[in-house]
């Protein structure tokens, strides 16, 4: 039973890893377009908030605590613009850019560490 659970967890971690790195790349491309009053910027904020919020719930559960903590910092920046259905203000964009960098660093460290199933 433990081996089957470990095997399933390894599959979940692998999918999580691939999806996270892809989403981080897309977010980096989308960051400059997340500011402003238009519907397009609000849509990008909403999309980014939703995947970051998902990471908050999943990462720690599957053994990636640092990723979960970094995602929660991003979530905290995005929650207000998401709820207000607006783009980011310049200060929020700067903060999110920084925090996404920290999330990327946490992901690179944790997903490729010797103790992970990805390393």
C-alpha atoms as a PDB file:
ATOM      1  CA  UNK A   1       0.000   0.000   0.000  1.00  0.00           C
ATOM      2  CA  UNK A   2       2.756   2.483   0.881  1.00  0.00           C
ATOM      3  CA  UNK A   3       4.525   1.863  -2.429  1.00  0.00           C
ATOM      4  CA  UNK A   4       1.359   2.513  -4.415  1.00  0.00           C
ATOM      5  CA  UNK A   5       0.763   5.721  -2.499  1.00  0.00           C
ATOM      6  CA  UNK A   6       4.371   6.805  -3.071  1.00  0.00           C
ATOM      7  CA  UNK A   7       4.047   6.025  -6.786  1.00  0.00           C
ATOM      8  CA  UNK A   8       0.843   8.060  -7.060  1.00  0.00           C
ATOM      9  CA  UNK A   9       2.404  10.909  -5.119  1.00  0.00           C
ATOM     10  CA  UNK A  10       5.396  10.860  -7.472  1.00  0.00           C
ATOM     11  CA  UNK A  11       3.047  11.203 -10.457  1.00  0.00           C
ATOM     12  CA  UNK A  12       1.216  14.123  -8.813  1.00  0.00           C
ATOM     13  CA  UNK A  13       4.521  15.811  -7.973  1.00  0.00           C
ATOM     14  CA  UNK A  14       5.739  15.372 -11.546  1.00  0.00           C
ATOM     15  CA  UNK A  15       2.594  16.919 -13.001  1.00  0.00           C
ATOM     16  CA  UNK A  16       2.695  19.711 -10.442  1.00  0.00           C
ATOM     17  CA  UNK A  17       6.337  20.448 -11.269  1.00  0.00           C
ATOM     18  CA  UNK A  18       5.791  20.629 -15.020  1.00  0.00           C
ATOM     19  CA  UNK A  19       2.674  22.769 -14.687  1.00  0.00           C
ATOM     20  CA  UNK A  20       4.257  25.130 -12.165  1.00  0.00           C
ATOM     21  CA  UNK A  21       7.301  25.851 -14.305  1.00  0.00           C
ATOM     22  CA  UNK A  22       5.082  26.443 -17.344  1.00  0.00           C
ATOM     23  CA  UNK A  23       2.826  28.801 -15.388  1.00  0.00           C
ATOM     24  CA  UNK A  24       5.807  30.746 -14.062  1.00  0.00           C
ATOM     25  CA  UNK A  25       7.073  31.248 -17.614  1.00  0.00           C
ATOM     26  CA  UNK A  26       3.658  32.470 -18.759  1.00  0.00           C
ATOM     27  CA  UNK A  27       3.347  34.805 -15.772  1.00  0.00           C
ATOM     28  CA  UNK A  28       6.726  36.355 -16.573  1.00  0.00           C
ATOM     29  CA  UNK A  29       5.516  37.076 -20.108  1.00  0.00           C
ATOM     30  CA  UNK A  30       2.162  38.414 -18.871  1.00  0.00           C
ATOM     31  CA  UNK A  31       3.464  40.622 -16.032  1.00  0.00           C
ATOM     32  CA  UNK A  32       3.810  43.848 -18.072  1.00  0.00           C
ATOM     33  CA  UNK A  33       0.215  43.466 -19.296  1.00  0.00           C
ATOM     34  CA  UNK A  34      -1.264  43.028 -15.795  1.00  0.00           C
ATOM     35  CA  UNK A  35      -1.359  46.771 -15.104  1.00  0.00           C
ATOM     36  CA  UNK A  36      -4.031  49.211 -16.136  1.00  0.00           C
ATOM     37  CA  UNK A  37      -7.778  49.613 -16.084  1.00  0.00           C
ATOM     38  CA  UNK A  38      -8.736  47.431 -19.019  1.00  0.00           C
ATOM     39  CA  UNK A  39     -10.572  44.135 -18.988  1.00  0.00           C
ATOM     40  CA  UNK A  40      -7.514  42.360 -20.423  1.00  0.00           C
ATOM     41  CA  UNK A  41      -5.306  43.274 -17.461  1.00  0.00           C
ATOM     42  CA  UNK A  42      -8.024  42.268 -14.994  1.00  0.00           C
ATOM     43  CA  UNK A  43      -8.363  38.931 -16.815  1.00  0.00           C
ATOM     44  CA  UNK A  44      -4.613  38.272 -16.552  1.00  0.00           C
ATOM     45  CA  UNK A  45      -4.693  39.120 -12.841  1.00  0.00           C
ATOM     46  CA  UNK A  46      -7.633  36.733 -12.351  1.00  0.00           C
ATOM     47  CA  UNK A  47      -5.920  33.918 -14.258  1.00  0.00           C
ATOM     48  CA  UNK A  48      -2.684  34.397 -12.343  1.00  0.00           C
ATOM     49  CA  UNK A  49      -4.487  34.614  -9.015  1.00  0.00           C
ATOM     50  CA  UNK A  50      -6.353  31.363  -9.674  1.00  0.00           C
ATOM     51  CA  UNK A  51      -3.259  29.286 -10.436  1.00  0.00           C
ATOM     52  CA  UNK A  52      -1.267  30.866  -7.600  1.00  0.00           C
ATOM     53  CA  UNK A  53      -4.146  30.152  -5.224  1.00  0.00           C
ATOM     54  CA  UNK A  54      -4.194  26.529  -6.390  1.00  0.00           C
ATOM     55  CA  UNK A  55      -0.469  26.242  -5.697  1.00  0.00           C
ATOM     56  CA  UNK A  56      -1.053  27.542  -2.156  1.00  0.00           C
ATOM     57  CA  UNK A  57      -3.316  24.602  -1.470  1.00  0.00           C
ATOM     58  CA  UNK A  58      -1.441  21.885  -3.302  1.00  0.00           C
ATOM     59  CA  UNK A  59       2.270  22.535  -2.775  1.00  0.00           C
ATOM     60  CA  UNK A  60       2.518  21.964   0.954  1.00  0.00           C
ATOM     61  CA  UNK A  61       0.142  19.016   0.765  1.00  0.00           C
ATOM     62  CA  UNK A  62       2.464  17.151  -1.604  1.00  0.00           C
ATOM     63  CA  UNK A  63       5.631  18.045   0.276  1.00  0.00           C
ATOM     64  CA  UNK A  64       6.756  21.364  -1.224  1.00  0.00           C
ATOM     65  CA  UNK A  65       6.576  23.704   1.767  1.00  0.00           C
ATOM     66  CA  UNK A  66       8.840  26.461   0.418  1.00  0.00           C
ATOM     67  CA  UNK A  67       6.844  26.621  -2.809  1.00  0.00           C
ATOM     68  CA  UNK A  68       3.625  26.852  -0.805  1.00  0.00           C
ATOM     69  CA  UNK A  69       4.965  29.709   1.317  1.00  0.00           C
ATOM     70  CA  UNK A  70       6.222  31.615  -1.745  1.00  0.00           C
ATOM     71  CA  UNK A  71       2.877  31.113  -3.490  1.00  0.00           C
ATOM     72  CA  UNK A  72       1.020  32.490  -0.456  1.00  0.00           C
ATOM     73  CA  UNK A  73       3.099  35.685  -0.691  1.00  0.00           C
ATOM     74  CA  UNK A  74       2.041  36.053  -4.344  1.00  0.00           C
ATOM     75  CA  UNK A  75      -1.560  35.273  -3.405  1.00  0.00           C
ATOM     76  CA  UNK A  76      -1.515  38.072  -0.827  1.00  0.00           C
ATOM     77  CA  UNK A  77      -0.493  40.580  -3.516  1.00  0.00           C
ATOM     78  CA  UNK A  78      -3.077  39.402  -6.043  1.00  0.00           C
ATOM     79  CA  UNK A  79      -6.133  38.982  -3.815  1.00  0.00           C
ATOM     80  CA  UNK A  80      -7.189  42.643  -3.679  1.00  0.00           C
ATOM     81  CA  UNK A  81      -6.880  43.343  -7.429  1.00  0.00           C
ATOM     82  CA  UNK A  82      -8.582  40.005  -8.133  1.00  0.00           C
ATOM     83  CA  UNK A  83     -11.530  40.808  -5.877  1.00  0.00           C
ATOM     84  CA  UNK A  84     -11.788  44.339  -7.309  1.00  0.00           C
ATOM     85  CA  UNK A  85     -11.565  42.912 -10.865  1.00  0.00           C
ATOM     86  CA  UNK A  86      -8.816  45.303 -11.840  1.00  0.00           C
ATOM     87  CA  UNK A  87      -5.269  45.344 -13.088  1.00  0.00           C
ATOM     88  CA  UNK A  88      -2.281  45.781 -10.830  1.00  0.00           C
ATOM     89  CA  UNK A  89      -1.005  49.132  -9.669  1.00  0.00           C
ATOM     90  CA  UNK A  90       2.705  49.810 -10.263  1.00  0.00           C
ATOM     91  CA  UNK A  91       3.687  49.009  -6.650  1.00  0.00           C
ATOM     92  CA  UNK A  92       1.728  45.750  -6.798  1.00  0.00           C
ATOM     93  CA  UNK A  93       3.409  44.866 -10.071  1.00  0.00           C
ATOM     94  CA  UNK A  94       6.836  45.457  -8.533  1.00  0.00           C
ATOM     95  CA  UNK A  95       5.924  43.362  -5.493  1.00  0.00           C
ATOM     96  CA  UNK A  96       4.492  40.555  -7.621  1.00  0.00           C
ATOM     97  CA  UNK A  97       7.529  40.551  -9.887  1.00  0.00           C
ATOM     98  CA  UNK A  98       9.749  40.120  -6.827  1.00  0.00           C
ATOM     99  CA  UNK A  99       7.594  37.442  -5.266  1.00  0.00           C
ATOM    100  CA  UNK A 100       7.279  35.467  -8.499  1.00  0.00           C
ATOM    101  CA  UNK A 101      11.077  35.494  -8.646  1.00  0.00           C
ATOM    102  CA  UNK A 102      11.162  34.061  -5.130  1.00  0.00           C
ATOM    103  CA  UNK A 103       8.562  31.473  -6.124  1.00  0.00           C
ATOM    104  CA  UNK A 104      10.681  30.485  -9.131  1.00  0.00           C
ATOM    105  CA  UNK A 105      13.757  30.175  -6.882  1.00  0.00           C
ATOM    106  CA  UNK A 106      11.831  28.061  -4.377  1.00  0.00           C
ATOM    107  CA  UNK A 107      10.569  25.854  -7.188  1.00  0.00           C
ATOM    108  CA  UNK A 108      14.021  25.389  -8.683  1.00  0.00           C
ATOM    109  CA  UNK A 109      15.469  24.503  -5.280  1.00  0.00           C
ATOM    110  CA  UNK A 110      12.676  22.272  -4.065  1.00  0.00           C
ATOM    111  CA  UNK A 111      11.703  20.512  -7.278  1.00  0.00           C
ATOM    112  CA  UNK A 112      15.291  19.621  -8.096  1.00  0.00           C
ATOM    113  CA  UNK A 113      16.539  18.778  -4.614  1.00  0.00           C
ATOM    114  CA  UNK A 114      17.951  15.305  -3.988  1.00  0.00           C
ATOM    115  CA  UNK A 115      15.021  14.434  -1.710  1.00  0.00           C
ATOM    116  CA  UNK A 116      12.369  15.242  -4.308  1.00  0.00           C
ATOM    117  CA  UNK A 117      11.122  12.866  -6.945  1.00  0.00           C
ATOM    118  CA  UNK A 118      12.177  15.402  -9.590  1.00  0.00           C
ATOM    119  CA  UNK A 119      15.896  15.647  -8.753  1.00  0.00           C
END
